[in-house]
Amino acid sequence: MEIEQTTIIIRDAIRDIPKQYNANADRIRELERERIDLLHLIELVDLNAREGYKVYKELQSLQKERRKMKDENELLKHVIQSFSNMKGQLKHLDKAIGDIRNEKINLDKRSYRCRSRKDLEKIINEVK
């Protein structure tokens, strides 16, 4: 398991999932307003078959997108509160990611100092 990548995924989820939920909710409201406009068009205007079919297809497309957003938010609602409560931990996770990256650099530069057999030190450290 790649620790840095896992930590980044956790941080991004805490940061992005509440944003996604809210963006979906905004889009759902926008789609509902558009749907109401189309329904008023159908109610108040006599459309010929071609125009009626065009409005039908628009309404169908709108409803499919709305359903997709609502379904996604139904899943997100189970974690949204937990992730929102963790928002304050983002700076700690950012620091942890930076520390992990620095430690990886240090591990790459690490060398072994022989305690007794100094003649082996160069051979051991060149193996990397």
Protein backbone atom coordinates (compact mmCIF):
# COMPACT_ATOMS: atom_id res chain seq x y z
CA MET A 1 0.00 0.00 0.00
CA GLU A 2 1.31 3.42 -0.98
CA ILE A 3 0.91 5.53 2.17
CA GLU A 4 1.28 8.91 0.48
CA GLN A 5 -1.35 8.09 -2.16
CA THR A 6 -3.78 6.74 0.45
CA THR A 7 -3.38 9.90 2.56
CA ILE A 8 -4.00 12.07 -0.52
CA ILE A 9 -7.17 10.10 -1.31
CA ILE A 10 -8.44 10.60 2.25
CA ARG A 11 -7.66 14.32 2.17
CA ASP A 12 -9.30 14.78 -1.21
CA ALA A 13 -12.41 12.90 -0.09
CA ILE A 14 -12.80 15.08 3.00
CA ARG A 15 -12.32 18.22 0.91
CA ASP A 16 -14.24 17.28 -2.25
CA ILE A 17 -17.22 15.13 -1.23
CA PRO A 18 -19.07 17.95 0.61
CA LYS A 19 -18.40 20.21 -2.39
CA GLN A 20 -19.76 17.56 -4.75
CA TYR A 21 -22.88 17.08 -2.64
CA ASN A 22 -23.57 20.82 -2.62
CA ALA A 23 -22.85 21.18 -6.35
CA ASN A 24 -25.28 18.33 -7.05
CA ALA A 25 -27.93 19.96 -4.85
CA ASP A 26 -27.48 23.27 -6.71
CA ARG A 27 -27.74 21.51 -10.06
CA ILE A 28 -30.88 19.64 -8.95
CA ARG A 29 -32.53 22.94 -8.03
CA GLU A 30 -31.52 24.42 -11.38
CA LEU A 31 -32.92 21.41 -13.25
CA GLU A 32 -36.16 21.58 -11.30
CA ARG A 33 -36.62 25.24 -12.28
CA GLU A 34 -35.94 24.35 -15.90
CA ARG A 35 -38.43 21.46 -15.67
CA ILE A 36 -41.10 23.81 -14.34
CA ASP A 37 -40.47 26.15 -17.28
CA LEU A 38 -40.89 23.29 -19.74
CA LEU A 39 -44.06 22.10 -18.03
CA HIS A 40 -45.48 25.61 -18.23
CA LEU A 41 -44.59 25.70 -21.91
CA ILE A 42 -46.53 22.45 -22.40
CA GLU A 43 -49.46 23.75 -20.35
CA LEU A 44 -49.74 27.17 -21.92
CA VAL A 45 -48.68 26.75 -25.55
CA ASP A 46 -50.23 24.58 -28.25
CA LEU A 47 -47.28 22.82 -29.83
CA ASN A 48 -47.28 20.94 -33.11
CA ALA A 49 -46.01 17.34 -33.15
CA ARG A 50 -42.42 18.29 -34.01
CA GLU A 51 -42.23 21.00 -31.33
CA GLY A 52 -43.94 18.77 -28.78
CA TYR A 53 -41.47 15.94 -29.44
CA LYS A 54 -38.55 18.36 -29.09
CA VAL A 55 -39.85 19.57 -25.70
CA TYR A 56 -40.45 15.94 -24.68
CA LYS A 57 -36.82 15.03 -25.47
CA GLU A 58 -35.57 18.08 -23.54
CA LEU A 59 -37.70 17.12 -20.57
CA GLN A 60 -36.53 13.51 -20.77
CA SER A 61 -32.87 14.54 -20.87
CA LEU A 62 -33.38 16.95 -18.00
CA GLN A 63 -35.10 14.28 -15.90
CA LYS A 64 -32.31 11.77 -16.54
CA GLU A 65 -29.65 14.24 -15.43
CA ARG A 66 -31.71 15.18 -12.37
CA ARG A 67 -32.12 11.50 -11.44
CA LYS A 68 -28.38 10.94 -11.76
CA MET A 69 -27.65 13.86 -9.41
CA LYS A 70 -30.29 12.74 -6.91
CA ASP A 71 -29.01 9.15 -6.91
CA GLU A 72 -25.44 10.31 -6.31
CA ASN A 73 -26.55 12.53 -3.43
CA GLU A 74 -28.50 9.62 -1.94
CA LEU A 75 -25.18 7.79 -1.65
CA LEU A 76 -23.18 10.82 -0.54
CA LYS A 77 -25.62 11.75 2.23
CA HIS A 78 -24.34 8.80 4.27
CA VAL A 79 -20.83 10.29 4.56
CA ILE A 80 -21.43 14.00 4.09
CA GLN A 81 -21.82 14.81 7.80
CA SER A 82 -18.73 12.84 8.80
CA PHE A 83 -16.60 14.46 6.11
CA SER A 84 -17.93 17.92 6.93
CA ASN A 85 -16.91 17.38 10.56
CA MET A 86 -13.39 16.41 9.42
CA LYS A 87 -12.87 19.63 7.42
CA GLY A 88 -10.70 21.00 10.24
CA GLN A 89 -8.26 18.13 9.77
CA LEU A 90 -7.29 19.12 6.22
CA LYS A 91 -4.32 21.24 7.33
CA HIS A 92 -3.04 18.31 9.41
CA LEU A 93 -3.40 15.96 6.45
CA ASP A 94 -1.61 18.45 4.17
CA LYS A 95 1.23 18.60 6.70
CA ALA A 96 1.30 14.81 6.97
CA ILE A 97 1.53 14.50 3.17
CA GLY A 98 4.42 16.97 3.13
CA ASP A 99 6.14 15.08 5.95
CA ILE A 100 5.69 11.77 4.11
CA ARG A 101 7.24 13.26 0.97
CA ASN A 102 10.20 14.65 2.94
CA GLU A 103 10.69 11.32 4.69
CA LYS A 104 10.71 9.50 1.34
CA ILE A 105 13.50 11.83 0.19
CA ASN A 106 15.43 11.18 3.41
CA LEU A 107 14.97 7.43 3.03
CA ASP A 108 16.40 7.59 -0.49
CA LYS A 109 19.47 9.46 0.81
CA ARG A 110 19.92 7.18 3.83
CA SER A 111 23.17 5.33 4.22
CA TYR A 112 24.44 2.75 6.67
CA ARG A 113 27.41 3.38 8.95
CA CYS A 114 29.18 0.20 9.87
CA ARG A 115 30.01 -0.17 13.52
CA SER A 116 32.99 -2.45 13.19
CA ARG A 117 33.63 -3.39 9.57
CA LYS A 118 34.32 0.02 8.02
CA ASP A 119 35.58 -1.77 4.90
CA LEU A 120 31.99 -2.94 4.17
CA GLU A 121 30.39 0.51 4.45
CA LYS A 122 31.07 1.59 0.86
CA ILE A 123 29.89 -1.75 -0.56
CA ILE A 124 26.65 -1.69 1.46
CA ASN A 125 25.80 1.90 0.56
CA GLU A 126 26.45 1.41 -3.16
CA VAL A 127 23.91 -1.45 -3.37
CA LYS A 128 21.01 1.02 -3.54
